[in-house]
Amino acid sequence: MKGIIEGHVNLVGSVMDMQLKRQNVVMSNLANVRTPGYKPRTLEFEKELQAALGLDAKGKLSRTNEKHLPAAFDPASFGPEWDKKFVPRVVHGEDRVDLDKEMAVMAKNSLQYNALASVMKSSFDGIRNVITEGQK
């Protein structure tokens, strides 16, 4: 039997995992900021997540056919998309790691991760409240 918030917790947990992986990629880019020839990597998963949830870019349900809408979210059905479109080129200053850009990505990612941690905490606080109030 599925729990009341099992899908929600799995979804938030999967997105938190992707955020952590993105943070590791950014940290790798920062660690190689002075490495000659190093090309920065990116990790994008938001479009795949929206597709797995059946959402369009505006967060609304997009339905072209009744059978196309997923019945439930499967955390294993999406994953990160590494930046695979590598085209070798040499443009002085553009192909290197941009410290400011990486720091901005890291700050944004940290804020998103902390927001998801707060959502997860609220979910567990709600469960605790239901259990403690149910005992009375």
N, C-alpha and C. Protein backbone atom coordinates (compact mmCIF):
# COMPACT_ATOMS: atom_id res chain seq x y z
N MET A 1 0.85 -1.18 0.00
CA MET A 1 0.00 0.00 0.00
C MET A 1 0.89 1.24 0.00
N LYS A 2 0.58 2.15 -0.86
CA LYS A 2 1.36 3.38 -0.93
C LYS A 2 0.96 4.33 0.19
N GLY A 3 1.97 5.07 0.67
CA GLY A 3 1.73 6.04 1.72
C GLY A 3 1.12 7.31 1.18
N ILE A 4 0.74 8.17 2.09
CA ILE A 4 0.09 9.43 1.72
C ILE A 4 1.05 10.34 0.97
N ILE A 5 2.29 10.42 1.41
CA ILE A 5 3.21 11.36 0.79
C ILE A 5 4.43 10.67 0.16
N GLU A 6 4.35 9.38 -0.06
CA GLU A 6 5.49 8.63 -0.59
C GLU A 6 5.98 9.20 -1.92
N GLY A 7 5.07 9.49 -2.83
CA GLY A 7 5.46 10.05 -4.13
C GLY A 7 6.12 11.40 -3.99
N HIS A 8 5.58 12.22 -3.11
CA HIS A 8 6.13 13.56 -2.88
C HIS A 8 7.55 13.48 -2.32
N VAL A 9 7.75 12.61 -1.33
CA VAL A 9 9.07 12.46 -0.72
C VAL A 9 10.06 11.91 -1.74
N ASN A 10 9.64 10.94 -2.54
CA ASN A 10 10.52 10.38 -3.57
C ASN A 10 10.90 11.44 -4.60
N LEU A 11 9.94 12.25 -5.01
CA LEU A 11 10.21 13.30 -5.98
C LEU A 11 11.21 14.31 -5.44
N VAL A 12 10.95 14.81 -4.24
CA VAL A 12 11.84 15.81 -3.64
C VAL A 12 13.22 15.21 -3.42
N GLY A 13 13.28 13.97 -2.97
CA GLY A 13 14.57 13.30 -2.76
C GLY A 13 15.35 13.14 -4.06
N SER A 14 14.67 12.79 -5.14
CA SER A 14 15.34 12.64 -6.43
C SER A 14 15.88 13.97 -6.94
N VAL A 15 15.09 15.02 -6.78
CA VAL A 15 15.54 16.34 -7.23
C VAL A 15 16.71 16.81 -6.36
N MET A 16 16.67 16.52 -5.07
CA MET A 16 17.79 16.88 -4.20
C MET A 16 19.06 16.14 -4.63
N ASP A 17 18.92 14.88 -5.03
CA ASP A 17 20.07 14.13 -5.53
C ASP A 17 20.66 14.79 -6.77
N MET A 18 19.80 15.23 -7.68
CA MET A 18 20.27 15.90 -8.90
C MET A 18 20.95 17.23 -8.56
N GLN A 19 20.40 17.95 -7.59
CA GLN A 19 21.02 19.21 -7.16
C GLN A 19 22.41 18.94 -6.59
N LEU A 20 22.54 17.88 -5.81
CA LEU A 20 23.84 17.53 -5.24
C LEU A 20 24.84 17.18 -6.34
N LYS A 21 24.39 16.44 -7.34
CA LYS A 21 25.27 16.10 -8.46
C LYS A 21 25.70 17.36 -9.21
N ARG A 22 24.77 18.30 -9.39
CA ARG A 22 25.12 19.55 -10.06
C ARG A 22 26.15 20.32 -9.23
N GLN A 23 25.98 20.32 -7.91
CA GLN A 23 26.93 21.01 -7.05
C GLN A 23 28.33 20.40 -7.20
N ASN A 24 28.39 19.08 -7.32
CA ASN A 24 29.69 18.42 -7.51
C ASN A 24 30.32 18.79 -8.84
N VAL A 25 29.50 18.93 -9.88
CA VAL A 25 30.02 19.35 -11.19
C VAL A 25 30.57 20.77 -11.11
N VAL A 26 29.86 21.66 -10.46
CA VAL A 26 30.31 23.05 -10.31
C VAL A 26 31.61 23.08 -9.51
N MET A 27 31.68 22.29 -8.45
CA MET A 27 32.90 22.26 -7.65
C MET A 27 34.08 21.72 -8.47
N SER A 28 33.82 20.76 -9.34
CA SER A 28 34.86 20.25 -10.22
C SER A 28 35.33 21.34 -11.18
N ASN A 29 34.39 22.10 -11.72
CA ASN A 29 34.75 23.22 -12.60
C ASN A 29 35.61 24.24 -11.85
N LEU A 30 35.21 24.55 -10.63
CA LEU A 30 35.97 25.52 -9.84
C LEU A 30 37.36 25.00 -9.49
N ALA A 31 37.45 23.70 -9.23
CA ALA A 31 38.75 23.12 -8.90
C ALA A 31 39.71 23.17 -10.09
N ASN A 32 39.16 23.21 -11.29
CA ASN A 32 39.97 23.21 -12.50
C ASN A 32 40.02 24.58 -13.18
N VAL A 33 39.76 25.63 -12.42
CA VAL A 33 39.70 26.97 -12.99
C VAL A 33 41.03 27.37 -13.65
N ARG A 34 42.14 26.86 -13.15
CA ARG A 34 43.44 27.21 -13.72
C ARG A 34 44.07 26.06 -14.51
N THR A 35 43.32 25.01 -14.76
CA THR A 35 43.84 23.89 -15.53
C THR A 35 43.80 24.22 -17.01
N PRO A 36 44.95 24.21 -17.67
CA PRO A 36 44.97 24.53 -19.10
C PRO A 36 44.17 23.50 -19.91
N GLY A 37 43.34 23.98 -20.81
CA GLY A 37 42.56 23.11 -21.69
C GLY A 37 41.32 22.50 -21.06
N TYR A 38 41.05 22.76 -19.80
CA TYR A 38 39.86 22.19 -19.16
C TYR A 38 38.61 22.90 -19.66
N LYS A 39 37.61 22.14 -20.06
CA LYS A 39 36.32 22.68 -20.52
C LYS A 39 35.30 22.49 -19.40
N PRO A 40 34.63 23.54 -19.00
CA PRO A 40 33.64 23.40 -17.92
C PRO A 40 32.48 22.50 -18.33
N ARG A 41 31.97 21.75 -17.37
CA ARG A 41 30.84 20.85 -17.61
C ARG A 41 29.59 21.43 -16.97
N THR A 42 28.45 21.03 -17.48
CA THR A 42 27.17 21.44 -16.91
C THR A 42 26.31 20.21 -16.68
N LEU A 43 25.34 20.34 -15.81
CA LEU A 43 24.39 19.28 -15.53
C LEU A 43 23.00 19.89 -15.52
N GLU A 44 22.19 19.50 -16.47
CA GLU A 44 20.82 20.02 -16.58
C GLU A 44 19.84 18.85 -16.45
N PHE A 45 18.81 19.04 -15.65
CA PHE A 45 17.81 17.98 -15.49
C PHE A 45 16.39 18.52 -15.41
N GLU A 46 16.20 19.82 -15.43
CA GLU A 46 14.88 20.39 -15.23
C GLU A 46 13.89 20.01 -16.34
N LYS A 47 14.33 20.04 -17.60
CA LYS A 47 13.43 19.69 -18.71
C LYS A 47 13.01 18.23 -18.63
N GLU A 48 13.95 17.35 -18.29
CA GLU A 48 13.64 15.93 -18.16
C GLU A 48 12.69 15.69 -16.99
N LEU A 49 12.87 16.44 -15.92
CA LEU A 49 11.98 16.33 -14.76
C LEU A 49 10.57 16.76 -15.14
N GLN A 50 10.44 17.88 -15.83
CA GLN A 50 9.12 18.34 -16.25
C GLN A 50 8.47 17.34 -17.19
N ALA A 51 9.25 16.74 -18.08
CA ALA A 51 8.70 15.73 -18.99
C ALA A 51 8.25 14.50 -18.21
N ALA A 52 9.04 14.08 -17.20
CA ALA A 52 8.67 12.91 -16.41
C ALA A 52 7.40 13.16 -15.60
N LEU A 53 7.19 14.41 -15.20
CA LEU A 53 5.99 14.76 -14.42
C LEU A 53 4.81 15.12 -15.30
N GLY A 54 5.04 15.25 -16.61
CA GLY A 54 3.95 15.63 -17.51
C GLY A 54 3.63 17.10 -17.44
N LEU A 55 4.62 17.94 -17.17
CA LEU A 55 4.42 19.38 -17.07
C LEU A 55 5.07 20.08 -18.25
N ASP A 56 4.51 21.20 -18.63
CA ASP A 56 5.18 22.01 -19.65
C ASP A 56 6.07 23.03 -18.93
N ALA A 57 6.72 23.89 -19.67
CA ALA A 57 7.67 24.83 -19.08
C ALA A 57 7.02 25.82 -18.12
N LYS A 58 5.72 26.01 -18.23
CA LYS A 58 5.02 26.95 -17.35
C LYS A 58 4.46 26.27 -16.11
N GLY A 59 4.69 24.96 -15.98
CA GLY A 59 4.23 24.24 -14.80
C GLY A 59 2.80 23.77 -14.89
N LYS A 60 2.17 23.92 -16.05
CA LYS A 60 0.81 23.45 -16.21
C LYS A 60 0.82 22.07 -16.86
N LEU A 61 -0.21 21.31 -16.59
CA LEU A 61 -0.32 20.00 -17.22
C LEU A 61 -0.51 20.17 -18.72
N SER A 62 0.27 19.43 -19.47
CA SER A 62 0.11 19.47 -20.92
C SER A 62 -0.37 18.10 -21.37
N ARG A 63 -1.57 18.05 -21.92
CA ARG A 63 -2.17 16.80 -22.33
C ARG A 63 -2.55 16.86 -23.79
N THR A 64 -1.99 15.94 -24.56
CA THR A 64 -2.40 15.83 -25.96
C THR A 64 -3.32 14.65 -26.16
N ASN A 65 -3.30 13.74 -25.20
CA ASN A 65 -4.14 12.56 -25.26
C ASN A 65 -4.31 12.07 -23.83
N GLU A 66 -5.45 11.56 -23.49
CA GLU A 66 -5.71 11.09 -22.13
C GLU A 66 -4.73 10.01 -21.68
N LYS A 67 -4.25 9.19 -22.63
CA LYS A 67 -3.35 8.10 -22.28
C LYS A 67 -1.92 8.56 -22.09
N HIS A 68 -1.58 9.78 -22.47
CA HIS A 68 -0.21 10.26 -22.38
C HIS A 68 0.16 10.78 -21.01
N LEU A 69 -0.79 11.13 -20.20
CA LEU A 69 -0.51 11.68 -18.88
C LEU A 69 -0.04 10.57 -17.94
N PRO A 70 1.13 10.72 -17.31
CA PRO A 70 1.60 9.65 -16.42
C PRO A 70 0.70 9.52 -15.21
N ALA A 71 0.46 8.28 -14.82
CA ALA A 71 -0.41 8.03 -13.68
C ALA A 71 0.30 8.35 -12.37
N ALA A 72 1.59 8.12 -12.33
CA ALA A 72 2.35 8.38 -11.10
C ALA A 72 3.79 8.71 -11.48
N PHE A 73 4.43 9.44 -10.61
CA PHE A 73 5.82 9.80 -10.85
C PHE A 73 6.73 8.64 -10.49
N ASP A 74 7.66 8.34 -11.38
CA ASP A 74 8.66 7.30 -11.15
C ASP A 74 10.02 7.98 -11.07
N PRO A 75 10.63 8.05 -9.87
CA PRO A 75 11.92 8.76 -9.74
C PRO A 75 13.01 8.18 -10.62
N ALA A 76 12.88 6.92 -11.03
CA ALA A 76 13.91 6.30 -11.87
C ALA A 76 13.73 6.66 -13.34
N SER A 77 12.65 7.37 -13.67
CA SER A 77 12.37 7.64 -15.09
C SER A 77 13.06 8.88 -15.62
N PHE A 78 13.77 9.60 -14.78
CA PHE A 78 14.50 10.75 -15.30
C PHE A 78 15.87 10.81 -14.65
N GLY A 79 16.74 11.54 -15.29
CA GLY A 79 18.09 11.69 -14.76
C GLY A 79 18.73 12.92 -15.38
N PRO A 80 19.96 13.19 -14.99
CA PRO A 80 20.63 14.38 -15.50
C PRO A 80 21.02 14.23 -16.96
N GLU A 81 21.11 15.32 -17.63
CA GLU A 81 21.57 15.34 -19.01
C GLU A 81 22.88 16.10 -19.04
N TRP A 82 23.95 15.36 -19.27
CA TRP A 82 25.25 16.00 -19.34
C TRP A 82 25.34 16.78 -20.62
N ASP A 83 26.09 17.85 -20.60
CA ASP A 83 26.29 18.68 -21.79
C ASP A 83 27.15 17.90 -22.77
N LYS A 84 26.50 17.22 -23.73
CA LYS A 84 27.19 16.35 -24.66
C LYS A 84 27.53 17.03 -25.98
N LYS A 85 27.07 18.23 -26.17
CA LYS A 85 27.27 18.92 -27.44
C LYS A 85 28.62 19.63 -27.45
N PHE A 86 29.67 18.88 -27.24
CA PHE A 86 31.00 19.47 -27.21
C PHE A 86 31.52 19.67 -28.63
N VAL A 87 31.81 20.90 -28.95
CA VAL A 87 32.40 21.23 -30.24
C VAL A 87 33.76 21.86 -29.95
N PRO A 88 34.84 21.18 -30.32
CA PRO A 88 36.14 21.74 -30.02
C PRO A 88 36.38 23.05 -30.76
N ARG A 89 36.76 24.05 -30.05
CA ARG A 89 37.10 25.34 -30.64
C ARG A 89 38.01 26.05 -29.65
N VAL A 90 38.75 26.97 -30.13
CA VAL A 90 39.66 27.71 -29.27
C VAL A 90 39.35 29.19 -29.43
N VAL A 91 38.75 29.77 -28.42
CA VAL A 91 38.50 31.20 -28.36
C VAL A 91 39.06 31.66 -27.03
N HIS A 92 40.10 32.45 -27.09
CA HIS A 92 40.78 32.85 -25.87
C HIS A 92 39.81 33.47 -24.86
N GLY A 93 39.74 32.89 -23.70
CA GLY A 93 38.92 33.42 -22.62
C GLY A 93 37.51 32.88 -22.56
N GLU A 94 36.97 32.35 -23.66
CA GLU A 94 35.59 31.87 -23.64
C GLU A 94 35.47 30.41 -23.26
N ASP A 95 36.46 29.61 -23.57
CA ASP A 95 36.37 28.18 -23.30
C ASP A 95 36.83 27.82 -21.90
N ARG A 96 37.35 28.76 -21.19
CA ARG A 96 37.82 28.48 -19.85
C ARG A 96 36.67 28.57 -18.85
N VAL A 97 36.93 28.10 -17.67
CA VAL A 97 35.94 28.19 -16.59
C VAL A 97 35.80 29.66 -16.19
N ASP A 98 34.55 30.13 -16.19
CA ASP A 98 34.26 31.50 -15.77
C ASP A 98 33.93 31.46 -14.28
N LEU A 99 34.84 31.98 -13.48
CA LEU A 99 34.70 31.91 -12.02
C LEU A 99 33.40 32.55 -11.54
N ASP A 100 33.06 33.71 -12.07
CA ASP A 100 31.83 34.40 -11.65
C ASP A 100 30.59 33.59 -12.00
N LYS A 101 30.58 33.04 -13.20
CA LYS A 101 29.43 32.24 -13.64
C LYS A 101 29.27 30.99 -12.77
N GLU A 102 30.37 30.32 -12.50
CA GLU A 102 30.31 29.11 -11.68
C GLU A 102 29.87 29.42 -10.26
N MET A 103 30.33 30.53 -9.71
CA MET A 103 29.91 30.91 -8.36
C MET A 103 28.43 31.25 -8.32
N ALA A 104 27.92 31.88 -9.37
CA ALA A 104 26.49 32.19 -9.44
C ALA A 104 25.66 30.91 -9.54
N VAL A 105 26.12 29.96 -10.36
CA VAL A 105 25.42 28.68 -10.47
C VAL A 105 25.44 27.95 -9.14
N MET A 106 26.58 27.99 -8.45
CA MET A 106 26.69 27.32 -7.16
C MET A 106 25.76 27.96 -6.12
N ALA A 107 25.67 29.29 -6.11
CA ALA A 107 24.78 29.97 -5.16
C ALA A 107 23.32 29.64 -5.44
N LYS A 108 22.93 29.68 -6.71
CA LYS A 108 21.54 29.35 -7.09
C LYS A 108 21.22 27.91 -6.72
N ASN A 109 22.13 27.01 -7.02
CA ASN A 109 21.93 25.61 -6.72
C ASN A 109 21.80 25.38 -5.21
N SER A 110 22.61 26.08 -4.42
CA SER A 110 22.54 25.96 -2.96
C SER A 110 21.19 26.44 -2.43
N LEU A 111 20.71 27.55 -2.98
CA LEU A 111 19.40 28.06 -2.55
C LEU A 111 18.29 27.07 -2.89
N GLN A 112 18.35 26.49 -4.07
CA GLN A 112 17.33 25.52 -4.46
C GLN A 112 17.38 24.28 -3.58
N TYR A 113 18.59 23.81 -3.29
CA TYR A 113 18.75 22.64 -2.44
C TYR A 113 18.21 22.91 -1.04
N ASN A 114 18.53 24.08 -0.49
CA ASN A 114 18.04 24.43 0.85
C ASN A 114 16.52 24.56 0.87
N ALA A 115 15.93 25.08 -0.20
CA ALA A 115 14.47 25.16 -0.28
C ALA A 115 13.86 23.76 -0.30
N LEU A 116 14.47 22.85 -1.06
CA LEU A 116 13.97 21.48 -1.10
C LEU A 116 14.13 20.79 0.26
N ALA A 117 15.22 21.08 0.96
CA ALA A 117 15.40 20.52 2.30
C ALA A 117 14.31 21.02 3.24
N SER A 118 13.92 22.28 3.09
CA SER A 118 12.84 22.83 3.92
C SER A 118 11.51 22.16 3.60
N VAL A 119 11.27 21.91 2.31
CA VAL A 119 10.04 21.21 1.90
C VAL A 119 10.01 19.81 2.50
N MET A 120 11.15 19.12 2.43
CA MET A 120 11.23 17.76 2.98
C MET A 120 11.01 17.79 4.49
N LYS A 121 11.61 18.75 5.19
CA LYS A 121 11.43 18.86 6.63
C LYS A 121 9.97 19.12 6.97
N SER A 122 9.32 19.97 6.21
CA SER A 122 7.90 20.25 6.45
C SER A 122 7.05 19.00 6.26
N SER A 123 7.40 18.19 5.27
CA SER A 123 6.66 16.94 5.05
C SER A 123 6.79 16.02 6.25
N PHE A 124 8.00 15.88 6.77
CA PHE A 124 8.20 15.00 7.92
C PHE A 124 7.61 15.60 9.19
N ASP A 125 7.61 16.92 9.31
CA ASP A 125 6.95 17.56 10.45
C ASP A 125 5.45 17.28 10.41
N GLY A 126 4.88 17.31 9.21
CA GLY A 126 3.46 17.01 9.07
C GLY A 126 3.14 15.58 9.47
N ILE A 127 3.98 14.66 9.08
CA ILE A 127 3.78 13.26 9.46
C ILE A 127 3.86 13.11 10.98
N ARG A 128 4.86 13.77 11.57
CA ARG A 128 5.02 13.70 13.02
C ARG A 128 3.78 14.25 13.73
N ASN A 129 3.26 15.36 13.22
CA ASN A 129 2.06 15.95 13.83
C ASN A 129 0.87 15.02 13.71
N VAL A 130 0.70 14.37 12.58
CA VAL A 130 -0.42 13.43 12.41
C VAL A 130 -0.28 12.28 13.39
N ILE A 131 0.93 11.78 13.55
CA ILE A 131 1.14 10.65 14.47
C ILE A 131 0.89 11.06 15.91
N THR A 132 1.44 12.20 16.32
CA THR A 132 1.28 12.63 17.73
C THR A 132 -0.17 13.02 18.03
N GLU A 133 -0.83 13.66 17.08
CA GLU A 133 -2.23 14.05 17.31
C GLU A 133 -3.15 12.83 17.26
N GLY A 134 -2.76 11.83 16.50
CA GLY A 134 -3.57 10.62 16.40
C GLY A 134 -3.53 9.78 17.66
N GLN A 135 -2.51 9.95 18.46
CA GLN A 135 -2.38 9.20 19.70
C GLN A 135 -3.27 9.75 20.80
N LYS A 136 -3.77 10.95 20.65
CA LYS A 136 -4.58 11.59 21.72
C LYS A 136 -5.99 11.11 21.70
